Amino acid sequence: MITESFDSRTLANMEVALDRACEALSVGAEEHGARRHIASRILACAKRGDRTLGGLTEAGRAAASELCATHGS
C-alpha cells in the first residue's frame, strides 16, 4: 500500500502535486482515468527518489500535458 511506502510529508506532497496537475487540465480534471494517469506518474517520480513538492508537481504537470496533447484539450 502507498501509505506504507512513504512518510506523511511525501504523501502530502503527492496529494498537492496531484491537485496542482489536475488544475492544468481544461477538461476532465476530475475524470478518474485522468487523475489515475497523473497519480501514476507522480508515484513513479516518488519511487525514483524525488519526493520534493517541486519534483512531484513537475511530474504531474508533465503527465497532464501528455493528456492534453493526446486528447486535444
N, C-alpha and C. Protein backbone atom coordinates (compact mmCIF):
# COMPACT_ATOMS: atom_id res chain seq x y z
N MET A 1 0.84 -1.19 0.00
CA MET A 1 0.00 0.00 0.00
C MET A 1 0.88 1.24 0.00
N ILE A 2 0.39 2.28 -0.63
CA ILE A 2 1.17 3.51 -0.79
C ILE A 2 1.51 4.13 0.56
N THR A 3 0.56 4.13 1.49
CA THR A 3 0.80 4.79 2.78
C THR A 3 1.92 4.11 3.57
N GLU A 4 2.19 2.86 3.28
CA GLU A 4 3.26 2.15 3.98
C GLU A 4 4.61 2.41 3.33
N SER A 5 4.61 2.89 2.09
CA SER A 5 5.86 3.08 1.36
C SER A 5 6.48 4.46 1.55
N PHE A 6 5.67 5.44 1.96
CA PHE A 6 6.14 6.82 2.03
C PHE A 6 5.76 7.45 3.37
N ASP A 7 6.56 8.44 3.79
CA ASP A 7 6.25 9.14 5.03
C ASP A 7 5.13 10.15 4.79
N SER A 8 4.62 10.71 5.87
CA SER A 8 3.46 11.59 5.78
C SER A 8 3.75 12.86 4.96
N ARG A 9 4.96 13.36 5.03
CA ARG A 9 5.30 14.56 4.26
C ARG A 9 5.27 14.26 2.76
N THR A 10 5.82 13.13 2.37
CA THR A 10 5.81 12.75 0.96
C THR A 10 4.39 12.54 0.47
N LEU A 11 3.57 11.90 1.27
CA LEU A 11 2.17 11.68 0.89
C LEU A 11 1.45 13.01 0.70
N ALA A 12 1.70 13.95 1.59
CA ALA A 12 1.09 15.27 1.47
C ALA A 12 1.58 15.97 0.20
N ASN A 13 2.87 15.87 -0.08
CA ASN A 13 3.42 16.48 -1.30
C ASN A 13 2.79 15.85 -2.54
N MET A 14 2.59 14.54 -2.51
CA MET A 14 1.99 13.84 -3.64
C MET A 14 0.55 14.31 -3.88
N GLU A 15 -0.17 14.52 -2.80
CA GLU A 15 -1.56 14.97 -2.92
C GLU A 15 -1.63 16.39 -3.50
N VAL A 16 -0.78 17.27 -3.01
CA VAL A 16 -0.75 18.64 -3.52
C VAL A 16 -0.34 18.64 -4.99
N ALA A 17 0.66 17.84 -5.34
CA ALA A 17 1.11 17.76 -6.73
C ALA A 17 -0.01 17.27 -7.64
N LEU A 18 -0.79 16.30 -7.19
CA LEU A 18 -1.91 15.79 -7.99
C LEU A 18 -2.95 16.89 -8.21
N ASP A 19 -3.28 17.59 -7.15
CA ASP A 19 -4.26 18.68 -7.27
C ASP A 19 -3.77 19.77 -8.22
N ARG A 20 -2.51 20.13 -8.11
CA ARG A 20 -1.95 21.18 -8.97
C ARG A 20 -1.94 20.73 -10.44
N ALA A 21 -1.58 19.48 -10.66
CA ALA A 21 -1.53 18.98 -12.04
C ALA A 21 -2.93 18.92 -12.65
N CYS A 22 -3.91 18.52 -11.86
CA CYS A 22 -5.27 18.43 -12.38
C CYS A 22 -5.84 19.81 -12.69
N GLU A 23 -5.37 20.84 -12.01
CA GLU A 23 -5.80 22.21 -12.32
C GLU A 23 -5.38 22.60 -13.73
N ALA A 24 -4.31 21.99 -14.23
CA ALA A 24 -3.80 22.32 -15.57
C ALA A 24 -4.69 21.75 -16.67
N LEU A 25 -5.53 20.79 -16.34
CA LEU A 25 -6.41 20.20 -17.34
C LEU A 25 -7.62 21.09 -17.54
N SER A 26 -7.90 21.43 -18.78
CA SER A 26 -9.04 22.29 -19.04
C SER A 26 -10.35 21.52 -18.98
N VAL A 27 -10.30 20.26 -19.38
CA VAL A 27 -11.49 19.41 -19.37
C VAL A 27 -11.12 18.07 -18.76
N GLY A 28 -12.00 17.54 -17.95
CA GLY A 28 -11.78 16.20 -17.40
C GLY A 28 -10.85 16.14 -16.21
N ALA A 29 -10.66 17.27 -15.53
CA ALA A 29 -9.74 17.29 -14.40
C ALA A 29 -10.17 16.32 -13.31
N GLU A 30 -11.45 16.13 -13.18
CA GLU A 30 -11.94 15.24 -12.13
C GLU A 30 -12.24 13.84 -12.66
N GLU A 31 -11.99 13.64 -13.94
CA GLU A 31 -12.21 12.32 -14.52
C GLU A 31 -11.23 11.33 -13.88
N HIS A 32 -11.76 10.20 -13.46
CA HIS A 32 -10.95 9.22 -12.73
C HIS A 32 -9.74 8.76 -13.54
N GLY A 33 -9.93 8.48 -14.81
CA GLY A 33 -8.83 8.00 -15.63
C GLY A 33 -7.69 9.00 -15.74
N ALA A 34 -8.04 10.27 -15.88
CA ALA A 34 -7.03 11.32 -15.98
C ALA A 34 -6.27 11.45 -14.66
N ARG A 35 -7.00 11.48 -13.57
CA ARG A 35 -6.35 11.58 -12.25
C ARG A 35 -5.46 10.37 -11.99
N ARG A 36 -5.93 9.20 -12.40
CA ARG A 36 -5.15 7.98 -12.19
C ARG A 36 -3.84 8.03 -12.99
N HIS A 37 -3.91 8.51 -14.23
CA HIS A 37 -2.71 8.63 -15.06
C HIS A 37 -1.70 9.57 -14.41
N ILE A 38 -2.18 10.72 -13.98
CA ILE A 38 -1.31 11.71 -13.35
C ILE A 38 -0.73 11.16 -12.05
N ALA A 39 -1.57 10.52 -11.25
CA ALA A 39 -1.12 9.95 -9.98
C ALA A 39 -0.05 8.89 -10.20
N SER A 40 -0.19 8.10 -11.25
CA SER A 40 0.80 7.05 -11.51
C SER A 40 2.16 7.66 -11.83
N ARG A 41 2.16 8.78 -12.55
CA ARG A 41 3.43 9.45 -12.87
C ARG A 41 4.05 10.07 -11.62
N ILE A 42 3.21 10.62 -10.76
CA ILE A 42 3.70 11.20 -9.50
C ILE A 42 4.28 10.09 -8.63
N LEU A 43 3.60 8.97 -8.56
CA LEU A 43 4.06 7.83 -7.77
C LEU A 43 5.40 7.32 -8.30
N ALA A 44 5.53 7.22 -9.61
CA ALA A 44 6.79 6.77 -10.21
C ALA A 44 7.93 7.72 -9.85
N CYS A 45 7.66 9.00 -9.88
CA CYS A 45 8.66 10.00 -9.51
C CYS A 45 9.11 9.80 -8.07
N ALA A 46 8.15 9.61 -7.18
CA ALA A 46 8.48 9.41 -5.76
C ALA A 46 9.28 8.12 -5.56
N LYS A 47 8.92 7.07 -6.29
CA LYS A 47 9.65 5.80 -6.17
C LYS A 47 11.08 5.92 -6.66
N ARG A 48 11.31 6.83 -7.63
CA ARG A 48 12.68 7.06 -8.12
C ARG A 48 13.51 7.87 -7.12
N GLY A 49 12.85 8.42 -6.11
CA GLY A 49 13.57 9.13 -5.07
C GLY A 49 13.35 10.62 -5.02
N ASP A 50 12.69 11.19 -6.02
CA ASP A 50 12.40 12.63 -5.98
C ASP A 50 11.07 12.81 -5.27
N ARG A 51 11.15 13.18 -4.02
CA ARG A 51 9.95 13.32 -3.19
C ARG A 51 9.68 14.76 -2.83
N THR A 52 10.35 15.67 -3.51
CA THR A 52 10.12 17.10 -3.25
C THR A 52 8.81 17.53 -3.90
N LEU A 53 8.20 18.55 -3.35
CA LEU A 53 6.97 19.05 -3.92
C LEU A 53 7.20 19.53 -5.36
N GLY A 54 8.30 20.19 -5.59
CA GLY A 54 8.61 20.67 -6.93
C GLY A 54 8.76 19.55 -7.94
N GLY A 55 9.49 18.52 -7.57
CA GLY A 55 9.70 17.39 -8.47
C GLY A 55 8.42 16.63 -8.75
N LEU A 56 7.63 16.41 -7.71
CA LEU A 56 6.37 15.69 -7.87
C LEU A 56 5.37 16.49 -8.69
N THR A 57 5.35 17.80 -8.46
CA THR A 57 4.46 18.67 -9.21
C THR A 57 4.85 18.69 -10.69
N GLU A 58 6.13 18.75 -10.96
CA GLU A 58 6.60 18.75 -12.35
C GLU A 58 6.22 17.43 -13.04
N ALA A 59 6.36 16.32 -12.35
CA ALA A 59 5.97 15.03 -12.92
C ALA A 59 4.47 15.00 -13.22
N GLY A 60 3.68 15.54 -12.31
CA GLY A 60 2.24 15.59 -12.51
C GLY A 60 1.84 16.49 -13.65
N ARG A 61 2.48 17.63 -13.74
CA ARG A 61 2.16 18.57 -14.83
C ARG A 61 2.59 18.02 -16.18
N ALA A 62 3.69 17.29 -16.21
CA ALA A 62 4.12 16.66 -17.46
C ALA A 62 3.08 15.63 -17.91
N ALA A 63 2.56 14.86 -16.95
CA ALA A 63 1.53 13.88 -17.26
C ALA A 63 0.25 14.57 -17.75
N ALA A 64 -0.11 15.68 -17.13
CA ALA A 64 -1.29 16.43 -17.55
C ALA A 64 -1.10 16.98 -18.97
N SER A 65 0.11 17.43 -19.26
CA SER A 65 0.40 17.94 -20.61
C SER A 65 0.26 16.83 -21.64
N GLU A 66 0.70 15.63 -21.29
CA GLU A 66 0.55 14.48 -22.19
C GLU A 66 -0.93 14.23 -22.48
N LEU A 67 -1.75 14.29 -21.45
CA LEU A 67 -3.18 14.07 -21.63
C LEU A 67 -3.79 15.15 -22.52
N CYS A 68 -3.40 16.38 -22.31
CA CYS A 68 -3.92 17.48 -23.13
C CYS A 68 -3.52 17.30 -24.59
N ALA A 69 -2.29 16.89 -24.82
CA ALA A 69 -1.80 16.70 -26.19
C ALA A 69 -2.50 15.53 -26.85
N THR A 70 -2.75 14.48 -26.10
CA THR A 70 -3.40 13.28 -26.62
C THR A 70 -4.86 13.52 -26.92
N HIS A 71 -5.54 14.27 -26.04
CA HIS A 71 -6.98 14.47 -26.17
C HIS A 71 -7.34 15.79 -26.84
N GLY A 72 -6.33 16.59 -27.14
CA GLY A 72 -6.59 17.86 -27.80
C GLY A 72 -7.34 18.85 -26.94
N SER A 73 -7.20 18.74 -25.61
CA SER A 73 -7.92 19.63 -24.70
C SER A 73 -7.23 20.96 -24.59
